[in-house]
C-alpha atoms as a PDB file:
ATOM      1  CA  MET A   1      97.135-116.102 -42.317  1.00  0.00           C
ATOM      2  CA  GLY A   2      94.999-113.998 -44.599  1.00  0.00           C
ATOM      3  CA  LYS A   3      91.731-115.073 -46.189  1.00  0.00           C
ATOM      4  CA  ALA A   4      93.296-115.275 -49.630  1.00  0.00           C
ATOM      5  CA  THR A   5      96.096-117.489 -48.327  1.00  0.00           C
ATOM      6  CA  ARG A   6      93.662-119.792 -46.525  1.00  0.00           C
ATOM      7  CA  ALA A   7      91.448-120.024 -49.607  1.00  0.00           C
ATOM      8  CA  PHE A   8      94.451-120.888 -51.765  1.00  0.00           C
ATOM      9  CA  ARG A   9      95.591-123.527 -49.266  1.00  0.00           C
ATOM     10  CA  ASN A  10      92.132-125.086 -49.095  1.00  0.00           C
ATOM     11  CA  LEU A  11      91.843-125.104 -52.868  1.00  0.00           C
ATOM     12  CA  THR A  12      95.268-126.749 -53.131  1.00  0.00           C
ATOM     13  CA  LEU A  13      94.342-129.428 -50.597  1.00  0.00           C
ATOM     14  CA  LEU A  14      91.036-130.035 -52.357  1.00  0.00           C
ATOM     15  CA  THR A  15      92.801-130.379 -55.702  1.00  0.00           C
ATOM     16  CA  ILE A  16      95.379-132.793 -54.280  1.00  0.00           C
ATOM     17  CA  GLY A  17      92.647-134.830 -52.606  1.00  0.00           C
ATOM     18  CA  ALA A  18      90.605-135.037 -55.796  1.00  0.00           C
ATOM     19  CA  ALA A  19      93.660-136.045 -57.827  1.00  0.00           C
ATOM     20  CA  ALA A  20      94.616-138.721 -55.284  1.00  0.00           C
ATOM     21  CA  THR A  21      91.062-140.092 -55.257  1.00  0.00           C
ATOM     22  CA  ALA A  22      90.967-140.196 -59.051  1.00  0.00           C
ATOM     23  CA  ALA A  23      94.313-141.986 -59.135  1.00  0.00           C
ATOM     24  CA  VAL A  24      93.158-144.619 -56.629  1.00  0.00           C
ATOM     25  CA  LEU A  25      89.869-145.181 -58.443  1.00  0.00           C
ATOM     26  CA  GLY A  26      91.722-145.482 -61.738  1.00  0.00           C
ATOM     27  CA  ALA A  27      94.132-148.037 -60.275  1.00  0.00           C
ATOM     28  CA  VAL A  28      91.257-150.065 -58.790  1.00  0.00           C
ATOM     29  CA  ARG A  29      89.399-149.987 -62.109  1.00  0.00           C
ATOM     30  CA  SER A  30      92.456-151.126 -64.043  1.00  0.00           C
ATOM     31  CA  TRP A  31      93.133-153.953 -61.557  1.00  0.00           C
ATOM     32  CA  SER A  32      89.522-155.127 -61.617  1.00  0.00           C
ATOM     33  CA  LEU A  33      89.465-155.308 -65.424  1.00  0.00           C
ATOM     34  CA  ARG A  34      92.463-157.657 -65.581  1.00  0.00           C
ATOM     35  CA  TRP A  35      92.272-159.564 -62.292  1.00  0.00           C
ATOM     36  CA  GLY A  36      94.316-162.765 -62.308  1.00  0.00           C
ATOM     37  CA  THR A  37      95.608-162.397 -65.862  1.00  0.00           C
ATOM     38  CA  ASP A  38      99.072-162.178 -67.348  1.00  0.00           C
ATOM     39  CA  PRO A  39      99.852-159.633 -70.107  1.00  0.00           C
ATOM     40  CA  LEU A  40      99.349-162.133 -72.936  1.00  0.00           C
ATOM     41  CA  GLU A  41      95.941-163.182 -71.623  1.00  0.00           C
ATOM     42  CA  GLU A  42      94.833-159.628 -71.016  1.00  0.00           C
ATOM     43  CA  GLY A  43      95.971-158.193 -74.349  1.00  0.00           C
ATOM     44  CA  GLY A  44      95.897-161.226 -76.617  1.00  0.00           C
ATOM     45  CA  TYR A  45      93.210-162.507 -78.950  1.00  0.00           C
ATOM     46  CA  LEU A  46      90.650-164.887 -77.452  1.00  0.00           C
ATOM     47  CA  PRO A  47      87.750-166.809 -79.023  1.00  0.00           C
ATOM     48  CA  GLY A  48      84.734-164.511 -79.292  1.00  0.00           C
ATOM     49  CA  ASP A  49      86.761-161.397 -80.098  1.00  0.00           C
ATOM     50  CA  GLU A  50      85.943-161.859 -83.784  1.00  0.00           C
ATOM     51  CA  LEU A  51      82.295-161.018 -83.095  1.00  0.00           C
ATOM     52  CA  MET A  52      83.244-157.349 -82.608  1.00  0.00           C
ATOM     53  CA  ALA A  53      85.617-155.364 -84.764  1.00  0.00           C
ATOM     54  CA  TYR A  54      86.486-153.353 -81.655  1.00  0.00           C
ATOM     55  CA  ALA A  55      85.292-153.022 -78.070  1.00  0.00           C
ATOM     56  CA  ASP A  56      84.611-149.812 -76.154  1.00  0.00           C
ATOM     57  CA  HIS A  57      84.925-151.675 -72.869  1.00  0.00           C
ATOM     58  CA  GLN A  58      86.687-154.957 -72.138  1.00  0.00           C
ATOM     59  CA  SER A  59      87.557-157.003 -69.077  1.00  0.00           C
ATOM     60  CA  THR A  60      89.635-160.185 -68.889  1.00  0.00           C
ATOM     61  CA  ARG A  61      89.922-162.199 -65.686  1.00  0.00           C
ATOM     62  CA  ALA A  62      91.492-165.560 -65.002  1.00  0.00           C
ATOM     63  CA  VAL A  63      92.306-168.246 -62.466  1.00  0.00           C
ATOM     64  CA  THR A  64      94.474-171.381 -62.422  1.00  0.00           C
ATOM     65  CA  ILE A  65      92.619-174.623 -61.702  1.00  0.00           C
ATOM     66  CA  ARG A  66      94.492-177.752 -60.651  1.00  0.00           C
ATOM     67  CA  THR A  67      92.881-180.155 -63.077  1.00  0.00           C
ATOM     68  CA  SER A  68      92.459-180.756 -66.801  1.00  0.00           C
ATOM     69  CA  PRO A  69      90.161-178.779 -69.157  1.00  0.00           C
ATOM     70  CA  ALA A  70      87.923-181.824 -69.508  1.00  0.00           C
ATOM     71  CA  ARG A  71      87.159-181.695 -65.782  1.00  0.00           C
ATOM     72  CA  ILE A  72      86.209-178.018 -65.945  1.00  0.00           C
ATOM     73  CA  TRP A  73      84.193-178.004 -69.169  1.00  0.00           C
ATOM     74  CA  PRO A  74      81.017-179.618 -67.680  1.00  0.00           C
ATOM     75  CA  TRP A  75      80.741-176.780 -65.168  1.00  0.00           C
ATOM     76  CA  LEU A  76      80.787-174.233 -67.999  1.00  0.00           C
ATOM     77  CA  VAL A  77      78.233-176.080 -70.115  1.00  0.00           C
ATOM     78  CA  GLN A  78      75.602-175.958 -67.375  1.00  0.00           C
ATOM     79  CA  LEU A  79      75.902-172.215 -66.725  1.00  0.00           C
ATOM     80  CA  GLY A  80      72.594-170.343 -66.657  1.00  0.00           C
ATOM     81  CA  GLN A  81      69.819-168.975 -64.489  1.00  0.00           C
ATOM     82  CA  ASP A  82      67.540-171.935 -65.071  1.00  0.00           C
ATOM     83  CA  ARG A  83      70.435-174.383 -65.378  1.00  0.00           C
ATOM     84  CA  GLY A  84      73.417-174.788 -63.039  1.00  0.00           C
ATOM     85  CA  GLY A  85      73.618-171.174 -61.896  1.00  0.00           C
ATOM     86  CA  PHE A  86      76.774-169.065 -61.987  1.00  0.00           C
ATOM     87  CA  TYR A  87      78.725-170.365 -58.944  1.00  0.00           C
ATOM     88  CA  SER A  88      78.874-166.858 -57.500  1.00  0.00           C
ATOM     89  CA  TYR A  89      76.994-165.092 -54.698  1.00  0.00           C
ATOM     90  CA  ASP A  90      73.567-166.684 -55.123  1.00  0.00           C
ATOM     91  CA  TRP A  91      72.214-164.894 -52.058  1.00  0.00           C
ATOM     92  CA  LEU A  92      73.166-161.526 -53.522  1.00  0.00           C
ATOM     93  CA  GLU A  93      71.680-162.328 -56.923  1.00  0.00           C
ATOM     94  CA  ASN A  94      68.497-163.566 -55.291  1.00  0.00           C
ATOM     95  CA  LEU A  95      68.116-160.372 -53.254  1.00  0.00           C
ATOM     96  CA  ILE A  96      67.120-158.712 -56.524  1.00  0.00           C
ATOM     97  CA  GLY A  97      64.906-161.611 -57.552  1.00  0.00           C
ATOM     98  CA  LEU A  98      67.118-163.411 -60.069  1.00  0.00           C
ATOM     99  CA  ASP A  99      66.267-166.877 -58.692  1.00  0.00           C
ATOM    100  CA  ILE A 100      69.783-168.323 -59.098  1.00  0.00           C
ATOM    101  CA  HIS A 101      70.661-171.692 -57.567  1.00  0.00           C
ATOM    102  CA  SER A 102      74.222-172.788 -58.277  1.00  0.00           C
ATOM    103  CA  LEU A 103      74.811-176.523 -58.374  1.00  0.00           C
ATOM    104  CA  ASP A 104      77.618-178.242 -56.512  1.00  0.00           C
ATOM    105  CA  GLU A 105      77.530-181.225 -58.828  1.00  0.00           C
ATOM    106  CA  ILE A 106      77.570-181.908 -62.543  1.00  0.00           C
ATOM    107  CA  SER A 107      74.109-182.627 -63.933  1.00  0.00           C
ATOM    108  CA  ASP A 108      73.980-184.995 -66.905  1.00  0.00           C
ATOM    109  CA  GLU A 109      70.710-183.384 -67.959  1.00  0.00           C
ATOM    110  CA  LEU A 110      72.455-180.022 -68.430  1.00  0.00           C
ATOM    111  CA  GLN A 111      75.381-181.228 -70.516  1.00  0.00           C
ATOM    112  CA  HIS A 112      73.779-180.625 -73.898  1.00  0.00           C
ATOM    113  CA  LEU A 113      74.543-177.226 -75.395  1.00  0.00           C
ATOM    114  CA  GLU A 114      74.846-176.224 -79.052  1.00  0.00           C
ATOM    115  CA  VAL A 115      75.463-173.112 -81.101  1.00  0.00           C
ATOM    116  CA  GLY A 116      72.194-171.173 -81.284  1.00  0.00           C
ATOM    117  CA  ASP A 117      70.953-172.312 -77.873  1.00  0.00           C
ATOM    118  CA  HIS A 118      70.051-169.586 -75.395  1.00  0.00           C
ATOM    119  CA  VAL A 119      71.449-169.148 -71.888  1.00  0.00           C
ATOM    120  CA  SER A 120      69.414-167.037 -69.481  1.00  0.00           C
ATOM    121  CA  LEU A 121      71.152-164.590 -67.147  1.00  0.00           C
ATOM    122  CA  ALA A 122      67.889-163.340 -65.639  1.00  0.00           C
ATOM    123  CA  ASP A 123      64.262-163.006 -66.663  1.00  0.00           C
ATOM    124  CA  GLY A 124      64.316-161.194 -70.007  1.00  0.00           C
ATOM    125  CA  VAL A 125      68.122-161.192 -70.267  1.00  0.00           C
ATOM    126  CA  THR A 126      69.319-163.880 -72.653  1.00  0.00           C
ATOM    127  CA  LEU A 127      72.595-164.715 -74.356  1.00  0.00           C
ATOM    128  CA  ALA A 128      72.966-166.953 -77.393  1.00  0.00           C
ATOM    129  CA  VAL A 129      75.672-169.569 -77.756  1.00  0.00           C
ATOM    130  CA  ALA A 130      77.751-168.095 -80.589  1.00  0.00           C
ATOM    131  CA  ASP A 131      80.587-170.620 -80.503  1.00  0.00           C
ATOM    132  CA  LEU A 132      81.699-173.578 -78.452  1.00  0.00           C
ATOM    133  CA  GLU A 133      84.335-176.241 -78.628  1.00  0.00           C
ATOM    134  CA  SER A 134      84.428-178.975 -76.022  1.00  0.00           C
ATOM    135  CA  ASP A 135      87.173-178.528 -73.413  1.00  0.00           C
ATOM    136  CA  SER A 136      88.262-175.317 -75.161  1.00  0.00           C
ATOM    137  CA  HIS A 137      85.839-172.381 -75.193  1.00  0.00           C
ATOM    138  CA  LEU A 138      82.261-171.209 -74.808  1.00  0.00           C
ATOM    139  CA  VAL A 139      81.228-167.874 -76.317  1.00  0.00           C
ATOM    140  CA  LEU A 140      77.921-166.212 -75.441  1.00  0.00           C
ATOM    141  CA  HIS A 141      76.532-163.240 -77.381  1.00  0.00           C
ATOM    142  CA  GLY A 142      73.786-160.835 -76.323  1.00  0.00           C
ATOM    143  CA  VAL A 143      70.494-161.102 -78.183  1.00  0.00           C
ATOM    144  CA  ALA A 144      67.418-158.884 -78.150  1.00  0.00           C
ATOM    145  CA  ASP A 145      64.345-160.437 -76.540  1.00  0.00           C
ATOM    146  CA  SER A 146      61.147-159.852 -78.457  1.00  0.00           C
ATOM    147  CA  GLY A 147      58.858-157.305 -76.842  1.00  0.00           C
ATOM    148  CA  ARG A 148      61.661-155.667 -74.845  1.00  0.00           C
ATOM    149  CA  PRO A 149      63.693-152.532 -75.649  1.00  0.00           C
ATOM    150  CA  ALA A 150      67.067-153.283 -77.200  1.00  0.00           C
ATOM    151  CA  LEU A 151      70.093-152.723 -74.985  1.00  0.00           C
ATOM    152  CA  PRO A 152      72.299-149.750 -75.964  1.00  0.00           C
ATOM    153  CA  PHE A 153      75.350-152.012 -76.367  1.00  0.00           C
ATOM    154  CA  ASP A 154      76.525-155.204 -78.020  1.00  0.00           C
ATOM    155  CA  PHE A 155      77.951-157.753 -75.587  1.00  0.00           C
ATOM    156  CA  THR A 156      79.978-160.969 -75.616  1.00  0.00           C
ATOM    157  CA  TRP A 157      80.917-163.206 -72.704  1.00  0.00           C
ATOM    158  CA  SER A 158      83.645-165.760 -73.406  1.00  0.00           C
ATOM    159  CA  PHE A 159      84.981-168.632 -71.299  1.00  0.00           C
ATOM    160  CA  ILE A 160      88.303-170.076 -72.426  1.00  0.00           C
ATOM    161  CA  LEU A 161      90.215-173.099 -71.132  1.00  0.00           C
ATOM    162  CA  ARG A 162      93.976-173.307 -71.748  1.00  0.00           C
ATOM    163  CA  ARG A 163      96.074-176.166 -70.399  1.00  0.00           C
ATOM    164  CA  SER A 164      99.160-174.729 -68.690  1.00  0.00           C
ATOM    165  CA  ALA A 165     100.610-178.014 -67.357  1.00  0.00           C
ATOM    166  CA  PRO A 166      99.561-181.702 -67.272  1.00  0.00           C
ATOM    167  CA  ALA A 167      97.215-181.035 -64.343  1.00  0.00           C
ATOM    168  CA  ARG A 168      96.848-177.259 -64.585  1.00  0.00           C
ATOM    169  CA  THR A 169      94.354-175.231 -66.614  1.00  0.00           C
ATOM    170  CA  ARG A 170      93.860-171.524 -67.004  1.00  0.00           C
ATOM    171  CA  LEU A 171      90.197-170.497 -67.019  1.00  0.00           C
ATOM    172  CA  ILE A 172      89.923-167.087 -68.695  1.00  0.00           C
ATOM    173  CA  VAL A 173      86.715-165.079 -68.794  1.00  0.00           C
ATOM    174  CA  ARG A 174      86.371-162.067 -71.093  1.00  0.00           C
ATOM    175  CA  GLU A 175      83.550-159.542 -71.386  1.00  0.00           C
ATOM    176  CA  ARG A 176      83.427-157.162 -74.353  1.00  0.00           C
ATOM    177  CA  TYR A 177      81.047-154.265 -74.971  1.00  0.00           C
ATOM    178  CA  ARG A 178      80.527-152.133 -78.052  1.00  0.00           C
ATOM    179  CA  TYR A 179      78.510-149.029 -77.310  1.00  0.00           C
ATOM    180  CA  LEU A 180      75.470-148.421 -79.514  1.00  0.00           C
ATOM    181  CA  GLY A 181      74.121-145.310 -77.832  1.00  0.00           C
ATOM    182  CA  PRO A 182      74.997-142.510 -75.394  1.00  0.00           C
ATOM    183  CA  LEU A 183      73.497-144.355 -72.424  1.00  0.00           C
ATOM    184  CA  ALA A 184      75.792-147.348 -72.867  1.00  0.00           C
ATOM    185  CA  PRO A 185      78.781-146.102 -70.810  1.00  0.00           C
ATOM    186  CA  VAL A 186      76.446-144.853 -68.095  1.00  0.00           C
ATOM    187  CA  ILE A 187      75.181-148.428 -67.735  1.00  0.00           C
ATOM    188  CA  VAL A 188      78.341-150.411 -68.421  1.00  0.00           C
ATOM    189  CA  GLU A 189      80.917-148.551 -66.319  1.00  0.00           C
ATOM    190  CA  PRO A 190      79.092-148.895 -62.955  1.00  0.00           C
ATOM    191  CA  ALA A 191      78.016-152.438 -63.835  1.00  0.00           C
ATOM    192  CA  SER A 192      81.628-153.354 -64.498  1.00  0.00           C
ATOM    193  CA  LEU A 193      82.531-153.130 -60.808  1.00  0.00           C
ATOM    194  CA  VAL A 194      79.595-155.361 -59.886  1.00  0.00           C
ATOM    195  CA  SER A 195      80.663-157.726 -62.657  1.00  0.00           C
ATOM    196  CA  PHE A 196      84.158-157.903 -61.172  1.00  0.00           C
ATOM    197  CA  VAL A 197      82.845-158.880 -57.739  1.00  0.00           C
ATOM    198  CA  MET A 198      80.542-161.549 -59.172  1.00  0.00           C
ATOM    199  CA  SER A 199      83.000-162.817 -61.809  1.00  0.00           C
ATOM    200  CA  ARG A 200      85.823-163.196 -59.302  1.00  0.00           C
ATOM    201  CA  LYS A 201      83.562-165.268 -57.066  1.00  0.00           C
ATOM    202  CA  MET A 202      82.398-167.293 -60.104  1.00  0.00           C
ATOM    203  CA  LEU A 203      85.978-168.124 -61.113  1.00  0.00           C
ATOM    204  CA  ILE A 204      86.789-169.195 -57.576  1.00  0.00           C
ATOM    205  CA  GLY A 205      83.510-171.143 -57.387  1.00  0.00           C
ATOM    206  CA  ILE A 206      84.301-173.094 -60.552  1.00  0.00           C
ATOM    207  CA  LYS A 207      87.868-173.692 -59.349  1.00  0.00           C
ATOM    208  CA  GLU A 208      86.699-175.085 -56.008  1.00  0.00           C
ATOM    209  CA  ARG A 209      84.082-177.339 -57.597  1.00  0.00           C
ATOM    210  CA  ALA A 210      86.380-178.706 -60.312  1.00  0.00           C
ATOM    211  CA  GLU A 211      89.275-179.368 -57.953  1.00  0.00           C
ATOM    212  CA  ALA A 212      87.006-181.035 -55.395  1.00  0.00           C
ATOM    213  CA  LEU A 213      85.895-183.633 -57.953  1.00  0.00           C
ATOM    214  CA  ASP A 214      89.320-184.275 -59.441  1.00  0.00           C
END
């Protein structure tokens, strides 16, 4: 086999390998952005969407919980770094100093939340309650903290409860980003995979807690 033939073969194998890798990564990305959803949930309108005319990046994830929306709502209301936590991998969040401690019970002291209140994700990272309706939906919207550089994207985080049967509820979580600068996709795209890992655990964490108390 001549050098030219070997070089062509190697280039062909490299091209095939790169294409296969890209295809796998694309499939994993697509799956992670719609984990647990059906087509109507993934592509349909949800509360909070009205805050952005369009989104450059969107994820929608969901889980079925064997209880009523009213039994799930208290777990959503107490979300927050300095509140009930996020029911995800606390140990992983605390490795980077976020000081998250997820509760395994409903705290009466944390059941008061109104539009305009702030929910902390981490020190210096705050979301405002843009909309909420008891047993229905909670919409959080990114806000700029005074004294800190503005993020290069607009962001909403929505939690929606939809009864699917007398004792079945769909909990749907949607994240939407609108890019405001060239650095936005560089930040959002890698963070999206981390978000999937943490959000999946959060959905399962809420499901386990709500069903255990039903």
